[in-house]
Amino acid sequence: MIQTADDGDLRVVTIDRPGRRNALRPTDLEDLEAAIESADAPVVLLRGGGPAFCAGADLDSVADLGDPKSFAKLGQRVADTIEASESVVVAGIDGAARGGGVELALACDVRVATPRATLGEPGVRIGLFGAWGGTVRLPRIVGEGHALELSLSGRVVDAEEALQMGLVSRIVDDPREVAEAMAENDHQSLRIIKARLRDRGSDSDRLAAEAEAFATLHEANVDDIAASRDE
């Protein structure tokens, strides 16, 4: 079950199935996609309800899949929606993140963990692997060596080790405070900076787009820039 709450410049999206450690069924994935796509807020906080972030795919659903390829593609589509959103999406990882839960977090722009967070890709233990974009995003974010070791061992890391390898960027007591502080920044700048950093084009095209984006922001904010110079 996906809960959505808008609070000013922040949308909070909660995966709320605590009895199942927030494991996701196909309908939950579709609802999560809709919650991200419909966001008007500059910042979205993705979190779990109860003591876990997200256990990934609901294994009851996985066991009964008639079309496993379509299920994988659905998860990939939701992760792509998170990555492509014009909103900055912050993963607030409190408690367990496993499999697809890690992969959804990887699609977010910022990942922060509480001291209670644990993360792992345990699919190899039951003859599966993360197929919601994990084989693409995990090595991109933590490097091929860490990605291979985590995925092939199936082991779970705590927040400190996740921070050391770059899987999360900070350890905080309350991820919402991080998201709220980010939402206080210039909203157009947030959108443009995300787009520039997410661009997978050639270096020359990215540099040209960077200069154009800088000019756009300068024109929109020239008065504020001048005022801040005099402070």
Foldseek 3Di string as FASTA:
>chain_A
DWDWDDDVLEIEIELEDVVQLSADALVRLVVLLVRQQPDPHQEYEQAYPDQFGYAYHDVVRVVPDPDVVVVLVSLLVSLVSQLPGLHQYEYEGGAEQEQSSLSSNLSGPAYEYAQRYKYAFQQVVVPDTRRNCLVPRVCVQQNPVVSCVRGVVRDMDTRVVCCVSRSHVYYDNDVVVVRVVVSVDDSLVSSLVSCLVSDPDDPVVSVVSVVVSVVVVCVVCVVVVVVVVVD
